[in-house]
ModelCIF file with pLDDT and N, C-alpha, C, O atoms, coordinates in Angstrom:
data_MODEL
#
_entry.id   MODEL 
#
_entity.id                         1 
_entity.type                       polymer 
_entity.pdbx_number_of_molecules   1 
#
_entity_poly.entity_id                      1 
_entity_poly.type                           'polypeptide(L)' 
_entity_poly.nstd_linkage                   no 
_entity_poly.nstd_monomer                   no 
_entity_poly.pdbx_seq_one_letter_code       PDLHPRYHYNAFIGGILLIKREHFIQVNGMSNKYWGWGLEDDEFY 
_entity_poly.pdbx_seq_one_letter_code_can   PDLHPRYHYNAFIGGILLIKREHFIQVNGMSNKYWGWGLEDDEFY 
_entity_poly.pdbx_strand_id                 A 
#
loop_
_entity_poly_seq.entity_id 
_entity_poly_seq.num 
_entity_poly_seq.mon_id 
_entity_poly_seq.hetero 
1 1  PRO n 
1 2  ASP n 
1 3  LEU n 
1 4  HIS n 
1 5  PRO n 
1 6  ARG n 
1 7  TYR n 
1 8  HIS n 
1 9  TYR n 
1 10 ASN n 
1 11 ALA n 
1 12 PHE n 
1 13 ILE n 
1 14 GLY n 
1 15 GLY n 
1 16 ILE n 
1 17 LEU n 
1 18 LEU n 
1 19 ILE n 
1 20 LYS n 
1 21 ARG n 
1 22 GLU n 
1 23 HIS n 
1 24 PHE n 
1 25 ILE n 
1 26 GLN n 
1 27 VAL n 
1 28 ASN n 
1 29 GLY n 
1 30 MET n 
1 31 SER n 
1 32 ASN n 
1 33 LYS n 
1 34 TYR n 
1 35 TRP n 
1 36 GLY n 
1 37 TRP n 
1 38 GLY n 
1 39 LEU n 
1 40 GLU n 
1 41 ASP n 
1 42 ASP n 
1 43 GLU n 
1 44 PHE n 
1 45 TYR n 
#
_struct_asym.id          A 
_struct_asym.entity_id   1 
#
loop_
_ma_qa_metric.id 
_ma_qa_metric.mode 
_ma_qa_metric.name 
_ma_qa_metric.software_group_id 
_ma_qa_metric.type 
1 global pLDDT . pLDDT 
2 local  pLDDT . pLDDT 
#
_ma_qa_metric_global.metric_id      1 
_ma_qa_metric_global.metric_value   91.93 
_ma_qa_metric_global.model_id       1 
_ma_qa_metric_global.ordinal_id     1 
#
loop_
_ma_qa_metric_local.label_asym_id 
_ma_qa_metric_local.label_comp_id 
_ma_qa_metric_local.label_seq_id 
_ma_qa_metric_local.metric_id 
_ma_qa_metric_local.metric_value 
_ma_qa_metric_local.model_id 
_ma_qa_metric_local.ordinal_id 
A PRO 1  2 94.00 1 1  
A ASP 2  2 93.00 1 2  
A LEU 3  2 95.00 1 3  
A HIS 4  2 93.00 1 4  
A PRO 5  2 91.00 1 5  
A ARG 6  2 89.00 1 6  
A TYR 7  2 90.00 1 7  
A HIS 8  2 92.00 1 8  
A TYR 9  2 93.00 1 9  
A ASN 10 2 92.00 1 10 
A ALA 11 2 93.00 1 11 
A PHE 12 2 94.00 1 12 
A ILE 13 2 94.00 1 13 
A GLY 14 2 93.00 1 14 
A GLY 15 2 91.00 1 15 
A ILE 16 2 94.00 1 16 
A LEU 17 2 96.00 1 17 
A LEU 18 2 96.00 1 18 
A ILE 19 2 95.00 1 19 
A LYS 20 2 93.00 1 20 
A ARG 21 2 92.00 1 21 
A GLU 22 2 94.00 1 22 
A HIS 23 2 95.00 1 23 
A PHE 24 2 96.00 1 24 
A ILE 25 2 96.00 1 25 
A GLN 26 2 97.00 1 26 
A VAL 27 2 97.00 1 27 
A ASN 28 2 97.00 1 28 
A GLY 29 2 97.00 1 29 
A MET 30 2 95.00 1 30 
A SER 31 2 94.00 1 31 
A ASN 32 2 92.00 1 32 
A LYS 33 2 90.00 1 33 
A TYR 34 2 86.00 1 34 
A TRP 35 2 83.00 1 35 
A GLY 36 2 76.00 1 36 
A TRP 37 2 76.00 1 37 
A GLY 38 2 80.00 1 38 
A LEU 39 2 85.00 1 39 
A GLU 40 2 90.00 1 40 
A ASP 41 2 92.00 1 41 
A ASP 42 2 92.00 1 42 
A GLU 43 2 93.00 1 43 
A PHE 44 2 96.00 1 44 
A TYR 45 2 95.00 1 45 
#
loop_
_atom_site.group_PDB 
_atom_site.id 
_atom_site.type_symbol 
_atom_site.label_atom_id 
_atom_site.label_alt_id 
_atom_site.label_comp_id 
_atom_site.label_asym_id 
_atom_site.label_entity_id 
_atom_site.label_seq_id 
_atom_site.pdbx_PDB_ins_code 
_atom_site.Cartn_x 
_atom_site.Cartn_y 
_atom_site.Cartn_z 
_atom_site.occupancy 
_atom_site.B_iso_or_equiv 
_atom_site.pdbx_formal_charge 
_atom_site.auth_seq_id 
_atom_site.auth_comp_id 
_atom_site.auth_asym_id 
_atom_site.auth_atom_id 
_atom_site.pdbx_PDB_model_num 
ATOM 1   N N  . PRO A 1 1  ? 13.560 -4.264  -8.597  1.00 94.00 ? 1  PRO A N  1 
ATOM 2   C CA . PRO A 1 1  ? 14.098 -2.935  -8.933  1.00 94.00 ? 1  PRO A CA 1 
ATOM 3   C C  . PRO A 1 1  ? 14.717 -2.863  -10.327 1.00 94.00 ? 1  PRO A C  1 
ATOM 4   O O  . PRO A 1 1  ? 14.754 -1.791  -10.931 1.00 94.00 ? 1  PRO A O  1 
ATOM 5   N N  . ASP A 1 2  ? 15.202 -3.988  -10.841 1.00 93.00 ? 2  ASP A N  1 
ATOM 6   C CA . ASP A 1 2  ? 15.790 -4.003  -12.183 1.00 93.00 ? 2  ASP A CA 1 
ATOM 7   C C  . ASP A 1 2  ? 14.740 -3.934  -13.287 1.00 93.00 ? 2  ASP A C  1 
ATOM 8   O O  . ASP A 1 2  ? 15.062 -3.678  -14.447 1.00 93.00 ? 2  ASP A O  1 
ATOM 9   N N  . LEU A 1 3  ? 13.470 -4.167  -12.910 1.00 95.00 ? 3  LEU A N  1 
ATOM 10  C CA . LEU A 1 3  ? 12.388 -4.196  -13.899 1.00 95.00 ? 3  LEU A CA 1 
ATOM 11  C C  . LEU A 1 3  ? 11.333 -3.124  -13.676 1.00 95.00 ? 3  LEU A C  1 
ATOM 12  O O  . LEU A 1 3  ? 10.612 -2.765  -14.606 1.00 95.00 ? 3  LEU A O  1 
ATOM 13  N N  . HIS A 1 4  ? 11.234 -2.609  -12.457 1.00 93.00 ? 4  HIS A N  1 
ATOM 14  C CA . HIS A 1 4  ? 10.187 -1.642  -12.116 1.00 93.00 ? 4  HIS A CA 1 
ATOM 15  C C  . HIS A 1 4  ? 10.499 -0.276  -12.732 1.00 93.00 ? 4  HIS A C  1 
ATOM 16  O O  . HIS A 1 4  ? 11.649 0.162   -12.698 1.00 93.00 ? 4  HIS A O  1 
ATOM 17  N N  . PRO A 1 5  ? 9.495  0.401   -13.293 1.00 91.00 ? 5  PRO A N  1 
ATOM 18  C CA . PRO A 1 5  ? 9.750  1.688   -13.951 1.00 91.00 ? 5  PRO A CA 1 
ATOM 19  C C  . PRO A 1 5  ? 10.089 2.842   -13.006 1.00 91.00 ? 5  PRO A C  1 
ATOM 20  O O  . PRO A 1 5  ? 10.606 3.865   -13.454 1.00 91.00 ? 5  PRO A O  1 
ATOM 21  N N  . ARG A 1 6  ? 9.809  2.698   -11.717 1.00 89.00 ? 6  ARG A N  1 
ATOM 22  C CA . ARG A 1 6  ? 10.000 3.850   -10.832 1.00 89.00 ? 6  ARG A CA 1 
ATOM 23  C C  . ARG A 1 6  ? 10.955 3.603   -9.657  1.00 89.00 ? 6  ARG A C  1 
ATOM 24  O O  . ARG A 1 6  ? 11.721 4.497   -9.299  1.00 89.00 ? 6  ARG A O  1 
ATOM 25  N N  . TYR A 1 7  ? 10.926 2.429   -9.061  1.00 90.00 ? 7  TYR A N  1 
ATOM 26  C CA . TYR A 1 7  ? 11.691 2.183   -7.836  1.00 90.00 ? 7  TYR A CA 1 
ATOM 27  C C  . TYR A 1 7  ? 12.876 1.271   -8.116  1.00 90.00 ? 7  TYR A C  1 
ATOM 28  O O  . TYR A 1 7  ? 12.709 0.141   -8.574  1.00 90.00 ? 7  TYR A O  1 
ATOM 29  N N  . HIS A 1 8  ? 14.087 1.779   -7.835  1.00 92.00 ? 8  HIS A N  1 
ATOM 30  C CA . HIS A 1 8  ? 15.304 1.077   -8.227  1.00 92.00 ? 8  HIS A CA 1 
ATOM 31  C C  . HIS A 1 8  ? 16.257 0.836   -7.063  1.00 92.00 ? 8  HIS A C  1 
ATOM 32  O O  . HIS A 1 8  ? 17.459 0.699   -7.287  1.00 92.00 ? 8  HIS A O  1 
ATOM 33  N N  . TYR A 1 9  ? 15.765 0.780   -5.834  1.00 93.00 ? 9  TYR A N  1 
ATOM 34  C CA . TYR A 1 9  ? 16.650 0.514   -4.700  1.00 93.00 ? 9  TYR A CA 1 
ATOM 35  C C  . TYR A 1 9  ? 16.512 -0.951  -4.296  1.00 93.00 ? 9  TYR A C  1 
ATOM 36  O O  . TYR A 1 9  ? 15.438 -1.538  -4.420  1.00 93.00 ? 9  TYR A O  1 
ATOM 37  N N  . ASN A 1 10 ? 17.602 -1.533  -3.813  1.00 92.00 ? 10 ASN A N  1 
ATOM 38  C CA . ASN A 1 10 ? 17.666 -2.974  -3.561  1.00 92.00 ? 10 ASN A CA 1 
ATOM 39  C C  . ASN A 1 10 ? 16.640 -3.464  -2.540  1.00 92.00 ? 10 ASN A C  1 
ATOM 40  O O  . ASN A 1 10 ? 16.178 -4.601  -2.634  1.00 92.00 ? 10 ASN A O  1 
ATOM 41  N N  . ALA A 1 11 ? 16.276 -2.626  -1.564  1.00 93.00 ? 11 ALA A N  1 
ATOM 42  C CA . ALA A 1 11 ? 15.322 -3.036  -0.531  1.00 93.00 ? 11 ALA A CA 1 
ATOM 43  C C  . ALA A 1 11 ? 13.871 -2.950  -1.010  1.00 93.00 ? 11 ALA A C  1 
ATOM 44  O O  . ALA A 1 11 ? 12.958 -3.288  -0.256  1.00 93.00 ? 11 ALA A O  1 
ATOM 45  N N  . PHE A 1 12 ? 13.643 -2.505  -2.243  1.00 94.00 ? 12 PHE A N  1 
ATOM 46  C CA . PHE A 1 12 ? 12.276 -2.393  -2.769  1.00 94.00 ? 12 PHE A CA 1 
ATOM 47  C C  . PHE A 1 12 ? 11.686 -3.781  -3.000  1.00 94.00 ? 12 PHE A C  1 
ATOM 48  O O  . PHE A 1 12 ? 12.275 -4.601  -3.704  1.00 94.00 ? 12 PHE A O  1 
ATOM 49  N N  . ILE A 1 13 ? 10.509 -4.045  -2.399  1.00 94.00 ? 13 ILE A N  1 
ATOM 50  C CA . ILE A 1 13 ? 9.800  -5.308  -2.651  1.00 94.00 ? 13 ILE A CA 1 
ATOM 51  C C  . ILE A 1 13 ? 8.330  -5.058  -2.968  1.00 94.00 ? 13 ILE A C  1 
ATOM 52  O O  . ILE A 1 13 ? 7.514  -5.977  -2.895  1.00 94.00 ? 13 ILE A O  1 
ATOM 53  N N  . GLY A 1 14 ? 7.990  -3.830  -3.317  1.00 93.00 ? 14 GLY A N  1 
ATOM 54  C CA . GLY A 1 14 ? 6.607  -3.503  -3.639  1.00 93.00 ? 14 GLY A CA 1 
ATOM 55  C C  . GLY A 1 14 ? 6.185  -4.050  -4.986  1.00 93.00 ? 14 GLY A C  1 
ATOM 56  O O  . GLY A 1 14 ? 6.949  -4.728  -5.673  1.00 93.00 ? 14 GLY A O  1 
ATOM 57  N N  . GLY A 1 15 ? 4.961  -3.740  -5.343  1.00 91.00 ? 15 GLY A N  1 
ATOM 58  C CA . GLY A 1 15 ? 4.438  -4.203  -6.625  1.00 91.00 ? 15 GLY A CA 1 
ATOM 59  C C  . GLY A 1 15 ? 3.921  -5.617  -6.529  1.00 91.00 ? 15 GLY A C  1 
ATOM 60  O O  . GLY A 1 15 ? 2.837  -5.847  -5.993  1.00 91.00 ? 15 GLY A O  1 
ATOM 61  N N  . ILE A 1 16 ? 4.677  -6.564  -7.038  1.00 94.00 ? 16 ILE A N  1 
ATOM 62  C CA . ILE A 1 16 ? 4.239  -7.965  -7.068  1.00 94.00 ? 16 ILE A CA 1 
ATOM 63  C C  . ILE A 1 16 ? 5.241  -8.817  -6.300  1.00 94.00 ? 16 ILE A C  1 
ATOM 64  O O  . ILE A 1 16 ? 6.372  -9.022  -6.742  1.00 94.00 ? 16 ILE A O  1 
ATOM 65  N N  . LEU A 1 17 ? 4.810  -9.307  -5.148  1.00 96.00 ? 17 LEU A N  1 
ATOM 66  C CA . LEU A 1 17 ? 5.633  -10.172 -4.310  1.00 96.00 ? 17 LEU A CA 1 
ATOM 67  C C  . LEU A 1 17 ? 4.846  -11.443 -4.026  1.00 96.00 ? 17 LEU A C  1 
ATOM 68  O O  . LEU A 1 17 ? 3.748  -11.381 -3.473  1.00 96.00 ? 17 LEU A O  1 
ATOM 69  N N  . LEU A 1 18 ? 5.387  -12.572 -4.394  1.00 96.00 ? 18 LEU A N  1 
ATOM 70  C CA . LEU A 1 18 ? 4.752  -13.854 -4.097  1.00 96.00 ? 18 LEU A CA 1 
ATOM 71  C C  . LEU A 1 18 ? 5.356  -14.388 -2.806  1.00 96.00 ? 18 LEU A C  1 
ATOM 72  O O  . LEU A 1 18 ? 6.575  -14.512 -2.683  1.00 96.00 ? 18 LEU A O  1 
ATOM 73  N N  . ILE A 1 19 ? 4.498  -14.698 -1.853  1.00 95.00 ? 19 ILE A N  1 
ATOM 74  C CA . ILE A 1 19 ? 4.980  -15.199 -0.572  1.00 95.00 ? 19 ILE A CA 1 
ATOM 75  C C  . ILE A 1 19 ? 4.033  -16.286 -0.086  1.00 95.00 ? 19 ILE A C  1 
ATOM 76  O O  . ILE A 1 19 ? 2.813  -16.135 -0.141  1.00 95.00 ? 19 ILE A O  1 
ATOM 77  N N  . LYS A 1 20 ? 4.606  -17.369 0.383   1.00 93.00 ? 20 LYS A N  1 
ATOM 78  C CA . LYS A 1 20 ? 3.789  -18.473 0.883   1.00 93.00 ? 20 LYS A CA 1 
ATOM 79  C C  . LYS A 1 20 ? 3.223  -18.137 2.252   1.00 93.00 ? 20 LYS A C  1 
ATOM 80  O O  . LYS A 1 20 ? 3.770  -17.324 2.998   1.00 93.00 ? 20 LYS A O  1 
ATOM 81  N N  . ARG A 1 21 ? 2.133  -18.779 2.550   1.00 92.00 ? 21 ARG A N  1 
ATOM 82  C CA . ARG A 1 21 ? 1.429  -18.553 3.812   1.00 92.00 ? 21 ARG A CA 1 
ATOM 83  C C  . ARG A 1 21 ? 2.359  -18.698 5.018   1.00 92.00 ? 21 ARG A C  1 
ATOM 84  O O  . ARG A 1 21 ? 2.342  -17.853 5.913   1.00 92.00 ? 21 ARG A O  1 
ATOM 85  N N  . GLU A 1 22 ? 3.168  -19.757 5.052   1.00 94.00 ? 22 GLU A N  1 
ATOM 86  C CA . GLU A 1 22 ? 4.022  -19.990 6.217   1.00 94.00 ? 22 GLU A CA 1 
ATOM 87  C C  . GLU A 1 22 ? 5.045  -18.876 6.421   1.00 94.00 ? 22 GLU A C  1 
ATOM 88  O O  . GLU A 1 22 ? 5.399  -18.555 7.555   1.00 94.00 ? 22 GLU A O  1 
ATOM 89  N N  . HIS A 1 23 ? 5.521  -18.284 5.318   1.00 95.00 ? 23 HIS A N  1 
ATOM 90  C CA . HIS A 1 23 ? 6.464  -17.175 5.452   1.00 95.00 ? 23 HIS A CA 1 
ATOM 91  C C  . HIS A 1 23 ? 5.756  -15.895 5.902   1.00 95.00 ? 23 HIS A C  1 
ATOM 92  O O  . HIS A 1 23 ? 6.303  -15.106 6.673   1.00 95.00 ? 23 HIS A O  1 
ATOM 93  N N  . PHE A 1 24 ? 4.537  -15.704 5.408   1.00 96.00 ? 24 PHE A N  1 
ATOM 94  C CA . PHE A 1 24 ? 3.757  -14.527 5.808   1.00 96.00 ? 24 PHE A CA 1 
ATOM 95  C C  . PHE A 1 24 ? 3.461  -14.588 7.305   1.00 96.00 ? 24 PHE A C  1 
ATOM 96  O O  . PHE A 1 24 ? 3.544  -13.575 8.000   1.00 96.00 ? 24 PHE A O  1 
ATOM 97  N N  . ILE A 1 25 ? 3.119  -15.767 7.794   1.00 96.00 ? 25 ILE A N  1 
ATOM 98  C CA . ILE A 1 25 ? 2.857  -15.957 9.225   1.00 96.00 ? 25 ILE A CA 1 
ATOM 99  C C  . ILE A 1 25 ? 4.150  -15.789 10.028  1.00 96.00 ? 25 ILE A C  1 
ATOM 100 O O  . ILE A 1 25 ? 4.146  -15.186 11.101  1.00 96.00 ? 25 ILE A O  1 
ATOM 101 N N  . GLN A 1 26 ? 5.249  -16.323 9.502   1.00 97.00 ? 26 GLN A N  1 
ATOM 102 C CA . GLN A 1 26 ? 6.555  -16.239 10.174  1.00 97.00 ? 26 GLN A CA 1 
ATOM 103 C C  . GLN A 1 26 ? 6.952  -14.798 10.478  1.00 97.00 ? 26 GLN A C  1 
ATOM 104 O O  . GLN A 1 26 ? 7.535  -14.528 11.528  1.00 97.00 ? 26 GLN A O  1 
ATOM 105 N N  . VAL A 1 27 ? 6.642  -13.871 9.572   1.00 97.00 ? 27 VAL A N  1 
ATOM 106 C CA . VAL A 1 27 ? 7.035  -12.467 9.776   1.00 97.00 ? 27 VAL A CA 1 
ATOM 107 C C  . VAL A 1 27 ? 5.905  -11.627 10.380  1.00 97.00 ? 27 VAL A C  1 
ATOM 108 O O  . VAL A 1 27 ? 6.022  -10.406 10.483  1.00 97.00 ? 27 VAL A O  1 
ATOM 109 N N  . ASN A 1 28 ? 4.814  -12.284 10.777  1.00 97.00 ? 28 ASN A N  1 
ATOM 110 C CA . ASN A 1 28 ? 3.642  -11.624 11.363  1.00 97.00 ? 28 ASN A CA 1 
ATOM 111 C C  . ASN A 1 28 ? 2.944  -10.700 10.372  1.00 97.00 ? 28 ASN A C  1 
ATOM 112 O O  . ASN A 1 28 ? 2.410  -9.660  10.756  1.00 97.00 ? 28 ASN A O  1 
ATOM 113 N N  . GLY A 1 29 ? 2.949  -11.074 9.116   1.00 97.00 ? 29 GLY A N  1 
ATOM 114 C CA . GLY A 1 29 ? 2.250  -10.296 8.099   1.00 97.00 ? 29 GLY A CA 1 
ATOM 115 C C  . GLY A 1 29 ? 2.817  -8.901  7.943   1.00 97.00 ? 29 GLY A C  1 
ATOM 116 O O  . GLY A 1 29 ? 4.008  -8.668  8.151   1.00 97.00 ? 29 GLY A O  1 
ATOM 117 N N  . MET A 1 30 ? 1.957  -7.992  7.579   1.00 95.00 ? 30 MET A N  1 
ATOM 118 C CA . MET A 1 30 ? 2.359  -6.600  7.380   1.00 95.00 ? 30 MET A CA 1 
ATOM 119 C C  . MET A 1 30 ? 1.882  -5.752  8.547   1.00 95.00 ? 30 MET A C  1 
ATOM 120 O O  . MET A 1 30 ? 0.965  -6.135  9.273   1.00 95.00 ? 30 MET A O  1 
ATOM 121 N N  . SER A 1 31 ? 2.506  -4.609  8.717   1.00 94.00 ? 31 SER A N  1 
ATOM 122 C CA . SER A 1 31 ? 2.131  -3.670  9.774   1.00 94.00 ? 31 SER A CA 1 
ATOM 123 C C  . SER A 1 31 ? 0.709  -3.167  9.564   1.00 94.00 ? 31 SER A C  1 
ATOM 124 O O  . SER A 1 31 ? 0.257  -3.018  8.429   1.00 94.00 ? 31 SER A O  1 
ATOM 125 N N  . ASN A 1 32 ? 0.014  -2.907  10.655  1.00 92.00 ? 32 ASN A N  1 
ATOM 126 C CA . ASN A 1 32 ? -1.339 -2.346  10.601  1.00 92.00 ? 32 ASN A CA 1 
ATOM 127 C C  . ASN A 1 32 ? -1.323 -0.823  10.686  1.00 92.00 ? 32 ASN A C  1 
ATOM 128 O O  . ASN A 1 32 ? -2.381 -0.195  10.713  1.00 92.00 ? 32 ASN A O  1 
ATOM 129 N N  . LYS A 1 33 ? -0.148 -0.231  10.727  1.00 90.00 ? 33 LYS A N  1 
ATOM 130 C CA . LYS A 1 33 ? -0.052 1.218   10.896  1.00 90.00 ? 33 LYS A CA 1 
ATOM 131 C C  . LYS A 1 33 ? -0.103 1.985   9.582   1.00 90.00 ? 33 LYS A C  1 
ATOM 132 O O  . LYS A 1 33 ? -0.094 3.216   9.584   1.00 90.00 ? 33 LYS A O  1 
ATOM 133 N N  . TYR A 1 34 ? -0.158 1.275   8.467   1.00 86.00 ? 34 TYR A N  1 
ATOM 134 C CA . TYR A 1 34 ? -0.140 1.937   7.159   1.00 86.00 ? 34 TYR A CA 1 
ATOM 135 C C  . TYR A 1 34 ? -1.534 2.013   6.573   1.00 86.00 ? 34 TYR A C  1 
ATOM 136 O O  . TYR A 1 34 ? -2.183 0.992   6.343   1.00 86.00 ? 34 TYR A O  1 
ATOM 137 N N  . TRP A 1 35 ? -1.982 3.216   6.336   1.00 83.00 ? 35 TRP A N  1 
ATOM 138 C CA . TRP A 1 35 ? -3.264 3.474   5.680   1.00 83.00 ? 35 TRP A CA 1 
ATOM 139 C C  . TRP A 1 35 ? -2.956 4.416   4.531   1.00 83.00 ? 35 TRP A C  1 
ATOM 140 O O  . TRP A 1 35 ? -2.135 5.321   4.676   1.00 83.00 ? 35 TRP A O  1 
ATOM 141 N N  . GLY A 1 36 ? -3.597 4.218   3.404   1.00 76.00 ? 36 GLY A N  1 
ATOM 142 C CA . GLY A 1 36 ? -3.233 5.004   2.236   1.00 76.00 ? 36 GLY A CA 1 
ATOM 143 C C  . GLY A 1 36 ? -2.130 4.285   1.494   1.00 76.00 ? 36 GLY A C  1 
ATOM 144 O O  . GLY A 1 36 ? -2.015 3.062   1.569   1.00 76.00 ? 36 GLY A O  1 
ATOM 145 N N  . TRP A 1 37 ? -1.326 5.035   0.786   1.00 76.00 ? 37 TRP A N  1 
ATOM 146 C CA . TRP A 1 37 ? -0.315 4.443   -0.073  1.00 76.00 ? 37 TRP A CA 1 
ATOM 147 C C  . TRP A 1 37 ? 1.068  4.849   0.392   1.00 76.00 ? 37 TRP A C  1 
ATOM 148 O O  . TRP A 1 37 ? 1.291  6.005   0.751   1.00 76.00 ? 37 TRP A O  1 
ATOM 149 N N  . GLY A 1 38 ? 1.993  3.912   0.389   1.00 80.00 ? 38 GLY A N  1 
ATOM 150 C CA . GLY A 1 38 ? 3.398  4.222   0.582   1.00 80.00 ? 38 GLY A CA 1 
ATOM 151 C C  . GLY A 1 38 ? 4.034  3.711   1.850   1.00 80.00 ? 38 GLY A C  1 
ATOM 152 O O  . GLY A 1 38 ? 3.450  3.785   2.932   1.00 80.00 ? 38 GLY A O  1 
ATOM 153 N N  . LEU A 1 39 ? 5.235  3.192   1.705   1.00 85.00 ? 39 LEU A N  1 
ATOM 154 C CA . LEU A 1 39 ? 6.157  2.763   2.753   1.00 85.00 ? 39 LEU A CA 1 
ATOM 155 C C  . LEU A 1 39 ? 5.830  1.435   3.413   1.00 85.00 ? 39 LEU A C  1 
ATOM 156 O O  . LEU A 1 39 ? 6.689  0.880   4.097   1.00 85.00 ? 39 LEU A O  1 
ATOM 157 N N  . GLU A 1 40 ? 4.631  0.903   3.242   1.00 90.00 ? 40 GLU A N  1 
ATOM 158 C CA . GLU A 1 40 ? 4.291  -0.369  3.880   1.00 90.00 ? 40 GLU A CA 1 
ATOM 159 C C  . GLU A 1 40 ? 5.174  -1.499  3.382   1.00 90.00 ? 40 GLU A C  1 
ATOM 160 O O  . GLU A 1 40 ? 5.507  -2.402  4.150   1.00 90.00 ? 40 GLU A O  1 
ATOM 161 N N  . ASP A 1 41 ? 5.557  -1.470  2.124   1.00 92.00 ? 41 ASP A N  1 
ATOM 162 C CA . ASP A 1 41 ? 6.412  -2.516  1.579   1.00 92.00 ? 41 ASP A CA 1 
ATOM 163 C C  . ASP A 1 41 ? 7.846  -2.401  2.093   1.00 92.00 ? 41 ASP A C  1 
ATOM 164 O O  . ASP A 1 41 ? 8.521  -3.416  2.266   1.00 92.00 ? 41 ASP A O  1 
ATOM 165 N N  . ASP A 1 42 ? 8.315  -1.185  2.338   1.00 92.00 ? 42 ASP A N  1 
ATOM 166 C CA . ASP A 1 42 ? 9.658  -1.007  2.900   1.00 92.00 ? 42 ASP A CA 1 
ATOM 167 C C  . ASP A 1 42 ? 9.728  -1.601  4.305   1.00 92.00 ? 42 ASP A C  1 
ATOM 168 O O  . ASP A 1 42 ? 10.719 -2.235  4.666   1.00 92.00 ? 42 ASP A O  1 
ATOM 169 N N  . GLU A 1 43 ? 8.687  -1.398  5.087   1.00 93.00 ? 43 GLU A N  1 
ATOM 170 C CA . GLU A 1 43 ? 8.647  -1.960  6.433   1.00 93.00 ? 43 GLU A CA 1 
ATOM 171 C C  . GLU A 1 43 ? 8.549  -3.481  6.344   1.00 93.00 ? 43 GLU A C  1 
ATOM 172 O O  . GLU A 1 43 ? 9.152  -4.187  7.153   1.00 93.00 ? 43 GLU A O  1 
ATOM 173 N N  . PHE A 1 44 ? 7.803  -3.987  5.379   1.00 96.00 ? 44 PHE A N  1 
ATOM 174 C CA . PHE A 1 44 ? 7.678  -5.432  5.198   1.00 96.00 ? 44 PHE A CA 1 
ATOM 175 C C  . PHE A 1 44 ? 9.017  -6.049  4.800   1.00 96.00 ? 44 PHE A C  1 
ATOM 176 O O  . PHE A 1 44 ? 9.330  -7.164  5.219   1.00 96.00 ? 44 PHE A O  1 
ATOM 177 N N  . TYR A 1 45 ? 9.804  -5.345  4.002   1.00 95.00 ? 45 TYR A N  1 
ATOM 178 C CA . TYR A 1 45 ? 11.146 -5.810  3.636   1.00 95.00 ? 45 TYR A CA 1 
ATOM 179 C C  . TYR A 1 45 ? 11.983 -6.043  4.901   1.00 95.00 ? 45 TYR A C  1 
ATOM 180 O O  . TYR A 1 45 ? 13.145 -6.438  4.808   1.00 95.00 ? 45 TYR A O  1 
#
């Protein structure tokens, strides 16, 4: 949020997030309910 031109809230993790495989599996990946653009990263946070 300190570097992104548009999103400045602390829970923002969109854009570029590096995550290891074991952590991605640990959180069960991302939701399958998001199609199109928006909010999927907030849910992932």
